[in-house]
PDB file of N, CA and C in Angstrom:
ATOM      1  N   UNK A   1     -84.246 -38.888  43.032  1.00  0.00           N
ATOM      2  CA  UNK A   1     -84.559 -37.666  43.727  1.00  0.00           C
ATOM      3  C   UNK A   1     -83.444 -36.641  43.556  1.00  0.00           C
ATOM      4  N   UNK A   2     -82.195 -37.095  43.608  1.00  0.00           N
ATOM      5  CA  UNK A   2     -81.078 -36.162  43.449  1.00  0.00           C
ATOM      6  C   UNK A   2     -81.110 -35.467  42.090  1.00  0.00           C
ATOM      7  N   UNK A   3     -81.567 -36.160  41.064  1.00  0.00           N
ATOM      8  CA  UNK A   3     -81.625 -35.564  39.732  1.00  0.00           C
ATOM      9  C   UNK A   3     -82.695 -34.484  39.659  1.00  0.00           C
ATOM     10  N   UNK A   4     -83.747 -34.616  40.470  1.00  0.00           N
ATOM     11  CA  UNK A   4     -84.851 -33.668  40.421  1.00  0.00           C
ATOM     12  C   UNK A   4     -84.688 -32.508  41.390  1.00  0.00           C
ATOM     13  N   UNK A   5     -83.882 -32.691  42.406  1.00  0.00           N
ATOM     14  CA  UNK A   5     -83.739 -31.677  43.447  1.00  0.00           C
ATOM     15  C   UNK A   5     -82.878 -30.522  42.963  1.00  0.00           C
ATOM     16  N   UNK A   6     -83.468 -29.339  42.897  1.00  0.00           N
ATOM     17  CA  UNK A   6     -82.694 -28.168  42.497  1.00  0.00           C
ATOM     18  C   UNK A   6     -82.659 -27.110  43.592  1.00  0.00           C
ATOM     19  N   UNK A   7     -83.213 -27.412  44.760  1.00  0.00           N
ATOM     20  CA  UNK A   7     -83.176 -26.482  45.871  1.00  0.00           C
ATOM     21  C   UNK A   7     -84.319 -25.492  45.905  1.00  0.00           C
ATOM     22  N   UNK A   8     -85.096 -25.399  44.844  1.00  0.00           N
ATOM     23  CA  UNK A   8     -86.182 -24.423  44.815  1.00  0.00           C
ATOM     24  C   UNK A   8     -87.499 -24.986  45.344  1.00  0.00           C
ATOM     25  N   UNK A   9     -87.562 -26.287  45.505  1.00  0.00           N
ATOM     26  CA  UNK A   9     -88.813 -26.908  45.924  1.00  0.00           C
ATOM     27  C   UNK A   9     -88.512 -28.064  46.876  1.00  0.00           C
ATOM     28  N   UNK A  10     -89.179 -28.118  48.035  1.00  0.00           N
ATOM     29  CA  UNK A  10     -88.952 -29.243  48.944  1.00  0.00           C
ATOM     30  C   UNK A  10     -89.462 -30.541  48.322  1.00  0.00           C
ATOM     31  N   UNK A  11     -88.874 -31.651  48.726  1.00  0.00           N
ATOM     32  CA  UNK A  11     -89.266 -32.939  48.176  1.00  0.00           C
ATOM     33  C   UNK A  11     -89.470 -33.935  49.305  1.00  0.00           C
ATOM     34  N   UNK A  12     -90.528 -34.722  49.201  1.00  0.00           N
ATOM     35  CA  UNK A  12     -90.805 -35.789  50.152  1.00  0.00           C
ATOM     36  C   UNK A  12     -90.762 -37.100  49.385  1.00  0.00           C
ATOM     37  N   UNK A  13     -90.020 -38.060  49.901  1.00  0.00           N
ATOM     38  CA  UNK A  13     -89.956 -39.379  49.287  1.00  0.00           C
ATOM     39  C   UNK A  13     -90.790 -40.342  50.110  1.00  0.00           C
ATOM     40  N   UNK A  14     -91.586 -41.146  49.456  1.00  0.00           N
ATOM     41  CA  UNK A  14     -92.407 -42.143  50.135  1.00  0.00           C
ATOM     42  C   UNK A  14     -92.138 -43.501  49.511  1.00  0.00           C
ATOM     43  N   UNK A  15     -92.313 -44.524  50.303  1.00  0.00           N
ATOM     44  CA  UNK A  15     -92.081 -45.864  49.790  1.00  0.00           C
ATOM     45  C   UNK A  15     -92.967 -46.854  50.524  1.00  0.00           C
ATOM     46  N   UNK A  16     -93.360 -47.892  49.836  1.00  0.00           N
ATOM     47  CA  UNK A  16     -94.062 -48.987  50.498  1.00  0.00           C
ATOM     48  C   UNK A  16     -93.050 -50.063  50.829  1.00  0.00           C
ATOM     49  N   UNK A  17     -93.355 -50.854  51.793  1.00  0.00           N
ATOM     50  CA  UNK A  17     -92.431 -51.904  52.222  1.00  0.00           C
ATOM     51  C   UNK A  17     -92.511 -53.097  51.279  1.00  0.00           C
ATOM     52  N   UNK A  18     -91.376 -53.603  50.887  1.00  0.00           N
ATOM     53  CA  UNK A  18     -91.292 -54.809  50.077  1.00  0.00           C
ATOM     54  C   UNK A  18     -91.321 -56.012  51.011  1.00  0.00           C
ATOM     55  N   UNK A  19     -92.033 -57.062  50.625  1.00  0.00           N
ATOM     56  CA  UNK A  19     -92.175 -58.230  51.498  1.00  0.00           C
ATOM     57  C   UNK A  19     -90.839 -58.850  51.894  1.00  0.00           C
ATOM     58  N   UNK A  20     -89.813 -58.664  51.080  1.00  0.00           N
ATOM     59  CA  UNK A  20     -88.504 -59.235  51.383  1.00  0.00           C
ATOM     60  C   UNK A  20     -87.831 -58.608  52.589  1.00  0.00           C
ATOM     61  N   UNK A  21     -88.257 -57.420  52.965  1.00  0.00           N
ATOM     62  CA  UNK A  21     -87.660 -56.752  54.123  1.00  0.00           C
ATOM     63  C   UNK A  21     -88.151 -57.352  55.435  1.00  0.00           C
ATOM     64  N   UNK A  22     -89.238 -58.095  55.382  1.00  0.00           N
ATOM     65  CA  UNK A  22     -89.851 -58.665  56.580  1.00  0.00           C
ATOM     66  C   UNK A  22     -90.104 -60.154  56.378  1.00  0.00           C
ATOM     67  N   UNK A  23     -89.115 -60.852  55.862  1.00  0.00           N
ATOM     68  CA  UNK A  23     -89.278 -62.252  55.479  1.00  0.00           C
ATOM     69  C   UNK A  23     -89.839 -63.129  56.594  1.00  0.00           C
ATOM     70  N   UNK A  24     -89.306 -63.102  57.827  1.00  0.00           N
ATOM     71  CA  UNK A  24     -89.850 -63.980  58.864  1.00  0.00           C
ATOM     72  C   UNK A  24     -91.347 -63.753  59.119  1.00  0.00           C
ATOM     73  N   UNK A  25     -91.786 -62.503  59.115  1.00  0.00           N
ATOM     74  CA  UNK A  25     -93.208 -62.211  59.327  1.00  0.00           C
ATOM     75  C   UNK A  25     -94.055 -62.724  58.165  1.00  0.00           C
ATOM     76  N   UNK A  26     -93.532 -62.620  56.952  1.00  0.00           N
ATOM     77  CA  UNK A  26     -94.260 -63.116  55.779  1.00  0.00           C
ATOM     78  C   UNK A  26     -94.370 -64.635  55.834  1.00  0.00           C
ATOM     79  N   UNK A  27     -93.278 -65.309  56.180  1.00  0.00           N
ATOM     80  CA  UNK A  27     -93.325 -66.770  56.312  1.00  0.00           C
ATOM     81  C   UNK A  27     -94.373 -67.180  57.343  1.00  0.00           C
ATOM     82  N   UNK A  28     -94.395 -66.477  58.469  1.00  0.00           N
ATOM     83  CA  UNK A  28     -95.352 -66.800  59.524  1.00  0.00           C
ATOM     84  C   UNK A  28     -96.782 -66.589  59.031  1.00  0.00           C
ATOM     85  N   UNK A  29     -97.033 -65.463  58.368  1.00  0.00           N
ATOM     86  CA  UNK A  29     -98.375 -65.168  57.862  1.00  0.00           C
ATOM     87  C   UNK A  29     -98.835 -66.196  56.832  1.00  0.00           C
ATOM     88  N   UNK A  30     -97.898 -66.684  56.028  1.00  0.00           N
ATOM     89  CA  UNK A  30     -98.226 -67.686  55.006  1.00  0.00           C
ATOM     90  C   UNK A  30     -98.153 -69.110  55.543  1.00  0.00           C
ATOM     91  N   UNK A  31     -97.831 -69.232  56.837  1.00  0.00           N
ATOM     92  CA  UNK A  31     -97.706 -70.528  57.507  1.00  0.00           C
ATOM     93  C   UNK A  31     -96.696 -71.430  56.806  1.00  0.00           C
ATOM     94  N   UNK A  32     -95.583 -70.843  56.414  1.00  0.00           N
ATOM     95  CA  UNK A  32     -94.490 -71.590  55.786  1.00  0.00           C
ATOM     96  C   UNK A  32     -93.525 -72.018  56.878  1.00  0.00           C
ATOM     97  N   UNK A  33     -93.211 -73.300  56.900  1.00  0.00           N
ATOM     98  CA  UNK A  33     -92.341 -73.873  57.923  1.00  0.00           C
ATOM     99  C   UNK A  33     -90.887 -73.869  57.466  1.00  0.00           C
ATOM    100  N   UNK A  34     -90.000 -74.240  58.378  1.00  0.00           N
ATOM    101  CA  UNK A  34     -88.564 -74.384  58.096  1.00  0.00           C
ATOM    102  C   UNK A  34     -87.974 -73.106  57.496  1.00  0.00           C
ATOM    103  N   UNK A  35     -88.092 -72.027  58.224  1.00  0.00           N
ATOM    104  CA  UNK A  35     -87.576 -70.734  57.775  1.00  0.00           C
ATOM    105  C   UNK A  35     -86.060 -70.717  57.927  1.00  0.00           C
ATOM    106  N   UNK A  36     -85.324 -70.453  56.864  1.00  0.00           N
ATOM    107  CA  UNK A  36     -83.860 -70.380  56.968  1.00  0.00           C
ATOM    108  C   UNK A  36     -83.437 -69.238  57.894  1.00  0.00           C
ATOM    109  N   UNK A  37     -82.332 -69.410  58.583  1.00  0.00           N
ATOM    110  CA  UNK A  37     -81.804 -68.361  59.455  1.00  0.00           C
ATOM    111  C   UNK A  37     -81.085 -67.277  58.655  1.00  0.00           C
ATOM    112  N   UNK A  38     -80.431 -67.672  57.571  1.00  0.00           N
ATOM    113  CA  UNK A  38     -79.653 -66.747  56.754  1.00  0.00           C
ATOM    114  C   UNK A  38     -80.587 -65.861  55.919  1.00  0.00           C
ATOM    115  N   UNK A  39     -80.455 -64.526  56.009  1.00  0.00           N
ATOM    116  CA  UNK A  39     -81.337 -63.629  55.247  1.00  0.00           C
ATOM    117  C   UNK A  39     -81.309 -63.857  53.733  1.00  0.00           C
ATOM    118  N   UNK A  40     -80.155 -64.203  53.181  1.00  0.00           N
ATOM    119  CA  UNK A  40     -80.080 -64.459  51.732  1.00  0.00           C
ATOM    120  C   UNK A  40     -80.895 -65.698  51.386  1.00  0.00           C
ATOM    121  N   UNK A  41     -80.796 -66.731  52.222  1.00  0.00           N
ATOM    122  CA  UNK A  41     -81.582 -67.951  51.991  1.00  0.00           C
ATOM    123  C   UNK A  41     -83.075 -67.671  52.177  1.00  0.00           C
ATOM    124  N   UNK A  42     -83.413 -66.783  53.115  1.00  0.00           N
ATOM    125  CA  UNK A  42     -84.813 -66.394  53.292  1.00  0.00           C
ATOM    126  C   UNK A  42     -85.350 -65.758  52.017  1.00  0.00           C
ATOM    127  N   UNK A  43     -84.557 -64.861  51.414  1.00  0.00           N
ATOM    128  CA  UNK A  43     -84.995 -64.220  50.169  1.00  0.00           C
ATOM    129  C   UNK A  43     -85.181 -65.232  49.053  1.00  0.00           C
ATOM    130  N   UNK A  44     -84.274 -66.199  48.973  1.00  0.00           N
ATOM    131  CA  UNK A  44     -84.405 -67.232  47.936  1.00  0.00           C
ATOM    132  C   UNK A  44     -85.689 -68.029  48.129  1.00  0.00           C
ATOM    133  N   UNK A  45     -85.974 -68.399  49.393  1.00  0.00           N
ATOM    134  CA  UNK A  45     -87.186 -69.166  49.664  1.00  0.00           C
ATOM    135  C   UNK A  45     -88.430 -68.321  49.404  1.00  0.00           C
ATOM    136  N   UNK A  46     -88.377 -67.045  49.757  1.00  0.00           N
ATOM    137  CA  UNK A  46     -89.505 -66.153  49.483  1.00  0.00           C
ATOM    138  C   UNK A  46     -89.762 -66.017  47.991  1.00  0.00           C
ATOM    139  N   UNK A  47     -88.692 -65.930  47.226  1.00  0.00           N
ATOM    140  CA  UNK A  47     -88.840 -65.775  45.775  1.00  0.00           C
ATOM    141  C   UNK A  47     -89.571 -66.975  45.178  1.00  0.00           C
ATOM    142  N   UNK A  48     -89.353 -68.145  45.760  1.00  0.00           N
ATOM    143  CA  UNK A  48     -90.055 -69.352  45.307  1.00  0.00           C
ATOM    144  C   UNK A  48     -91.505 -69.331  45.779  1.00  0.00           C
ATOM    145  N   UNK A  49     -91.724 -68.898  47.032  1.00  0.00           N
ATOM    146  CA  UNK A  49     -93.055 -68.937  47.642  1.00  0.00           C
ATOM    147  C   UNK A  49     -93.958 -67.797  47.196  1.00  0.00           C
ATOM    148  N   UNK A  50     -93.402 -66.617  47.026  1.00  0.00           N
ATOM    149  CA  UNK A  50     -94.176 -65.422  46.674  1.00  0.00           C
ATOM    150  C   UNK A  50     -93.402 -64.674  45.599  1.00  0.00           C
ATOM    151  N   UNK A  51     -93.606 -65.043  44.376  1.00  0.00           N
ATOM    152  CA  UNK A  51     -92.741 -64.570  43.294  1.00  0.00           C
ATOM    153  C   UNK A  51     -93.042 -63.158  42.789  1.00  0.00           C
ATOM    154  N   UNK A  52     -94.086 -62.511  43.244  1.00  0.00           N
ATOM    155  CA  UNK A  52     -94.411 -61.162  42.789  1.00  0.00           C
ATOM    156  C   UNK A  52     -94.575 -60.245  43.975  1.00  0.00           C
ATOM    157  N   UNK A  53     -94.066 -59.061  43.997  1.00  0.00           N
ATOM    158  CA  UNK A  53     -93.061 -58.555  43.070  1.00  0.00           C
ATOM    159  C   UNK A  53     -91.723 -59.228  43.312  1.00  0.00           C
ATOM    160  N   UNK A  54     -90.854 -59.154  42.330  1.00  0.00           N
ATOM    161  CA  UNK A  54     -89.547 -59.800  42.436  1.00  0.00           C
ATOM    162  C   UNK A  54     -88.727 -59.178  43.559  1.00  0.00           C
ATOM    163  N   UNK A  55     -87.813 -59.967  44.086  1.00  0.00           N
ATOM    164  CA  UNK A  55     -86.913 -59.503  45.137  1.00  0.00           C
ATOM    165  C   UNK A  55     -86.016 -58.404  44.577  1.00  0.00           C
ATOM    166  N   UNK A  56     -85.799 -57.360  45.357  1.00  0.00           N
ATOM    167  CA  UNK A  56     -84.926 -56.263  44.938  1.00  0.00           C
ATOM    168  C   UNK A  56     -83.488 -56.754  44.837  1.00  0.00           C
ATOM    169  N   UNK A  57     -82.896 -56.622  43.688  1.00  0.00           N
ATOM    170  CA  UNK A  57     -81.526 -57.093  43.464  1.00  0.00           C
ATOM    171  C   UNK A  57     -80.532 -56.397  44.384  1.00  0.00           C
ATOM    172  N   UNK A  58     -80.710 -55.103  44.606  1.00  0.00           N
ATOM    173  CA  UNK A  58     -79.772 -54.367  45.464  1.00  0.00           C
ATOM    174  C   UNK A  58     -79.876 -54.805  46.917  1.00  0.00           C
ATOM    175  N   UNK A  59     -81.093 -55.117  47.378  1.00  0.00           N
ATOM    176  CA  UNK A  59     -81.264 -55.599  48.745  1.00  0.00           C
ATOM    177  C   UNK A  59     -80.572 -56.950  48.905  1.00  0.00           C
ATOM    178  N   UNK A  60     -80.756 -57.823  47.931  1.00  0.00           N
ATOM    179  CA  UNK A  60     -80.113 -59.134  47.972  1.00  0.00           C
ATOM    180  C   UNK A  60     -78.590 -58.988  47.926  1.00  0.00           C
ATOM    181  N   UNK A  61     -78.086 -58.094  47.083  1.00  0.00           N
ATOM    182  CA  UNK A  61     -76.641 -57.881  46.980  1.00  0.00           C
ATOM    183  C   UNK A  61     -76.071 -57.373  48.302  1.00  0.00           C
ATOM    184  N   UNK A  62     -76.758 -56.444  48.931  1.00  0.00           N
ATOM    185  CA  UNK A  62     -76.306 -55.897  50.213  1.00  0.00           C
ATOM    186  C   UNK A  62     -76.238 -56.996  51.266  1.00  0.00           C
ATOM    187  N   UNK A  63     -77.240 -57.858  51.306  1.00  0.00           N
ATOM    188  CA  UNK A  63     -77.233 -58.959  52.268  1.00  0.00           C
ATOM    189  C   UNK A  63     -76.108 -59.940  51.971  1.00  0.00           C
ATOM    190  N   UNK A  64     -75.912 -60.247  50.688  1.00  0.00           N
ATOM    191  CA  UNK A  64     -74.833 -61.167  50.310  1.00  0.00           C
ATOM    192  C   UNK A  64     -73.472 -60.597  50.681  1.00  0.00           C
ATOM    193  N   UNK A  65     -73.301 -59.301  50.497  1.00  0.00           N
ATOM    194  CA  UNK A  65     -72.025 -58.656  50.806  1.00  0.00           C
ATOM    195  C   UNK A  65     -71.795 -58.536  52.307  1.00  0.00           C
ATOM    196  N   UNK A  66     -72.836 -58.804  53.091  1.00  0.00           N
ATOM    197  CA  UNK A  66     -72.693 -58.898  54.533  1.00  0.00           C
ATOM    198  C   UNK A  66     -72.548 -57.607  55.293  1.00  0.00           C
ATOM    199  N   UNK A  67     -73.092 -56.555  54.796  1.00  0.00           N
ATOM    200  CA  UNK A  67     -72.946 -55.343  55.584  1.00  0.00           C
ATOM    201  C   UNK A  67     -73.889 -54.243  55.205  1.00  0.00           C
ATOM    202  N   UNK A  68     -73.813 -53.237  56.013  1.00  0.00           N
ATOM    203  CA  UNK A  68     -74.601 -52.034  55.758  1.00  0.00           C
ATOM    204  C   UNK A  68     -73.707 -51.022  55.079  1.00  0.00           C
ATOM    205  N   UNK A  69     -74.291 -50.279  54.201  1.00  0.00           N
ATOM    206  CA  UNK A  69     -73.559 -49.193  53.559  1.00  0.00           C
ATOM    207  C   UNK A  69     -73.948 -47.889  54.229  1.00  0.00           C
ATOM    208  N   UNK A  70     -73.013 -47.002  54.278  1.00  0.00           N
ATOM    209  CA  UNK A  70     -73.304 -45.696  54.848  1.00  0.00           C
ATOM    210  C   UNK A  70     -74.297 -44.937  53.997  1.00  0.00           C
ATOM    211  N   UNK A  71     -75.124 -44.170  54.636  1.00  0.00           N
ATOM    212  CA  UNK A  71     -76.073 -43.334  53.911  1.00  0.00           C
ATOM    213  C   UNK A  71     -76.355 -42.094  54.738  1.00  0.00           C
ATOM    214  N   UNK A  72     -76.843 -41.097  54.094  1.00  0.00           N
ATOM    215  CA  UNK A  72     -77.190 -39.876  54.815  1.00  0.00           C
ATOM    216  C   UNK A  72     -78.664 -39.591  54.632  1.00  0.00           C
ATOM    217  N   UNK A  73     -79.226 -38.964  55.631  1.00  0.00           N
ATOM    218  CA  UNK A  73     -80.650 -38.637  55.595  1.00  0.00           C
ATOM    219  C   UNK A  73     -80.799 -37.138  55.563  1.00  0.00           C
TER     220      UNK A  73
END
Protein backbone atom coordinates (compact mmCIF):
# COMPACT_ATOMS: atom_id res chain seq x y z
CA UNK A 1 0.00 0.00 0.00
CA UNK A 2 2.83 2.41 0.81
CA UNK A 3 4.23 1.96 -2.70
CA UNK A 4 0.87 2.86 -4.25
CA UNK A 5 -0.10 5.72 -1.97
CA UNK A 6 0.73 9.07 -3.51
CA UNK A 7 -1.70 11.24 -1.56
CA UNK A 8 -3.98 11.96 -4.50
CA UNK A 9 -6.38 9.10 -3.90
CA UNK A 10 -7.72 7.58 -0.66
CA UNK A 11 -7.01 3.90 -0.13
CA UNK A 12 -8.89 1.23 1.81
CA UNK A 13 -7.17 -2.01 2.74
CA UNK A 14 -9.24 -5.14 3.31
CA UNK A 15 -8.21 -8.55 4.48
CA UNK A 16 -9.75 -11.89 5.27
CA UNK A 17 -8.84 -13.69 8.45
CA UNK A 18 -6.31 -16.50 8.22
CA UNK A 19 -7.26 -19.61 10.20
CA UNK A 20 -3.97 -19.42 12.11
CA UNK A 21 -5.09 -16.25 13.86
CA UNK A 22 -7.92 -18.14 15.57
CA UNK A 23 -6.30 -21.52 16.18
CA UNK A 24 -8.29 -22.53 19.31
CA UNK A 25 -11.62 -21.84 17.56
CA UNK A 26 -10.50 -23.81 14.49
CA UNK A 27 -9.43 -26.77 16.64
CA UNK A 28 -12.81 -26.71 18.38
CA UNK A 29 -14.72 -26.52 15.08
CA UNK A 30 -12.70 -29.44 13.69
CA UNK A 31 -13.14 -31.34 16.97
CA UNK A 32 -9.38 -31.70 17.38
CA UNK A 33 -8.35 -32.66 20.90
CA UNK A 34 -5.20 -31.91 22.92
CA UNK A 35 -4.77 -28.30 21.82
CA UNK A 36 -1.29 -27.00 22.70
CA UNK A 37 -1.19 -23.93 24.96
CA UNK A 38 1.78 -22.38 23.14
CA UNK A 39 0.68 -20.37 20.05
CA UNK A 40 3.70 -21.53 18.02
CA UNK A 41 2.85 -25.17 18.78
CA UNK A 42 -0.78 -24.44 17.85
CA UNK A 43 0.37 -23.20 14.44
CA UNK A 44 2.50 -26.30 13.93
CA UNK A 45 -0.43 -28.56 14.78
CA UNK A 46 -2.74 -26.54 12.53
CA UNK A 47 -0.30 -26.82 9.65
CA UNK A 48 -0.52 -30.61 9.98
CA UNK A 49 -4.32 -30.63 10.40
CA UNK A 50 -5.29 -27.96 7.87
CA UNK A 51 -2.45 -27.48 5.44
CA UNK A 52 -4.11 -24.97 3.07
CA UNK A 53 -3.53 -22.08 2.99
CA UNK A 54 -0.07 -22.28 4.49
CA UNK A 55 0.68 -20.57 7.79
CA UNK A 56 1.94 -17.01 7.38
CA UNK A 57 5.69 -17.04 7.99
CA UNK A 58 5.69 -13.53 9.46
CA UNK A 59 2.91 -14.40 11.91
CA UNK A 60 4.82 -17.47 13.04
CA UNK A 61 8.05 -15.46 13.35
CA UNK A 62 6.33 -12.79 15.45
CA UNK A 63 4.95 -15.45 17.80
CA UNK A 64 8.33 -17.18 18.05
CA UNK A 65 10.03 -13.87 18.83
CA UNK A 66 7.55 -13.46 21.68
CA UNK A 67 6.24 -10.03 21.18
CA UNK A 68 4.25 -7.45 19.41
CA UNK A 69 5.84 -4.99 17.07
CA UNK A 70 4.83 -1.40 17.02
CA UNK A 71 2.64 -0.29 14.17
CA UNK A 72 0.69 2.75 13.19
CA UNK A 73 -2.80 2.99 11.84
